Amino acid sequence: MNRHSRILATLQSHFSPKLMELNDDSHKHHGHVGASPSGETHYSLLIEAEAFRGLPRVKAHQAIYELLKSEFETGLHALAITARAPQP
């Protein structure tokens, strides 16, 4: 399973999001610090789940980072996050 699939599976199982989009933006960072020629280092995430209702943005981001700690330890360099609760 590649990093993209692992991230999606981890977030899906923990948050059961109504909406989730994960994009590998590694190609935009070619040659930058933390970038790898093979990709899978820079991602952007849009996630919409009830778990984020009432949470400050920092707390939502911290929860996601904690879940993905092993990915950061093994080559994930950057994750741009948009986390929100579903709109009524």
Protein backbone atom coordinates (compact mmCIF):
# COMPACT_ATOMS: atom_id res chain seq x y z
CA MET A 1 0.00 0.00 0.00
CA ASN A 2 1.43 3.39 -0.94
CA ARG A 3 1.51 6.47 1.30
CA HIS A 4 -1.56 8.03 -0.33
CA SER A 5 -3.63 4.91 0.36
CA ARG A 6 -2.34 4.56 3.92
CA ILE A 7 -3.19 8.17 4.75
CA LEU A 8 -6.70 7.82 3.33
CA ALA A 9 -7.29 4.54 5.17
CA THR A 10 -6.04 5.94 8.48
CA LEU A 11 -8.16 9.09 8.28
CA GLN A 12 -11.22 7.19 7.04
CA SER A 13 -11.10 4.68 9.88
CA HIS A 14 -10.61 7.33 12.56
CA PHE A 15 -12.85 10.20 11.40
CA SER A 16 -15.41 8.57 9.03
CA PRO A 17 -15.42 11.77 6.96
CA LYS A 18 -18.35 12.88 4.85
CA LEU A 19 -15.84 14.32 2.38
CA MET A 20 -12.13 13.72 1.95
CA GLU A 21 -9.72 14.74 -0.81
CA LEU A 22 -6.01 14.05 -0.64
CA ASN A 23 -3.72 15.36 -3.35
CA ASP A 24 -0.07 14.50 -3.84
CA ASP A 25 1.55 17.89 -4.50
CA SER A 26 5.11 16.53 -4.47
CA HIS A 27 5.69 17.49 -8.10
CA LYS A 28 5.25 21.16 -7.14
CA HIS A 29 8.18 20.87 -4.71
CA HIS A 30 10.74 19.13 -6.93
CA GLY A 31 14.21 20.17 -5.81
CA HIS A 32 13.02 21.63 -2.49
CA VAL A 33 14.15 20.46 0.93
CA GLY A 34 12.22 17.36 1.95
CA ALA A 35 11.17 16.51 -1.60
CA SER A 36 11.94 13.11 -3.04
CA PRO A 37 12.24 12.26 -6.74
CA SER A 38 9.80 9.41 -6.13
CA GLY A 39 7.14 11.79 -4.75
CA GLU A 40 4.83 11.10 -1.81
CA THR A 41 6.39 13.85 0.32
CA HIS A 42 4.00 16.81 0.01
CA TYR A 43 0.21 16.53 0.21
CA SER A 44 -2.85 18.73 0.58
CA LEU A 45 -5.88 17.44 2.47
CA LEU A 46 -9.49 18.52 2.58
CA ILE A 47 -11.43 16.59 5.21
CA GLU A 48 -14.97 17.18 6.45
CA ALA A 49 -16.09 15.22 9.51
CA GLU A 50 -18.32 15.62 12.55
CA ALA A 51 -15.25 15.07 14.74
CA PHE A 52 -14.12 18.61 13.87
CA ARG A 53 -17.33 20.33 14.97
CA GLY A 54 -16.48 22.90 17.62
CA LEU A 55 -12.75 22.12 17.54
CA PRO A 56 -10.31 24.97 17.07
CA ARG A 57 -8.32 24.62 13.86
CA VAL A 58 -5.09 23.94 15.75
CA LYS A 59 -6.68 21.02 17.65
CA ALA A 60 -8.07 19.50 14.45
CA HIS A 61 -4.66 19.74 12.79
CA GLN A 62 -2.94 18.26 15.85
CA ALA A 63 -5.31 15.28 15.80
CA ILE A 64 -4.51 14.62 12.14
CA TYR A 65 -0.76 15.03 12.63
CA GLU A 66 -0.84 12.61 15.57
CA LEU A 67 -2.63 9.97 13.50
CA LEU A 68 -0.10 10.38 10.70
CA LYS A 69 2.98 10.51 12.93
CA SER A 70 4.48 7.34 11.41
CA GLU A 71 4.10 8.79 7.91
CA PHE A 72 6.04 11.90 8.94
CA GLU A 73 8.71 9.69 10.47
CA THR A 74 9.10 7.77 7.20
CA GLY A 75 9.24 10.52 4.58
CA LEU A 76 6.07 12.61 4.59
CA HIS A 77 7.45 16.15 4.70
CA ALA A 78 4.44 18.48 4.45
CA LEU A 79 0.67 18.28 4.75
CA ALA A 80 -1.52 21.30 4.03
CA ILE A 81 -4.79 20.72 5.89
CA THR A 82 -8.29 22.06 5.54
CA ALA A 83 -10.37 20.34 8.23
CA ARG A 84 -13.94 21.30 8.95
CA ALA A 85 -17.29 20.00 10.15
CA PRO A 86 -19.98 19.32 7.55
CA GLN A 87 -22.31 22.20 6.82
CA PRO A 88 -25.91 21.72 8.05
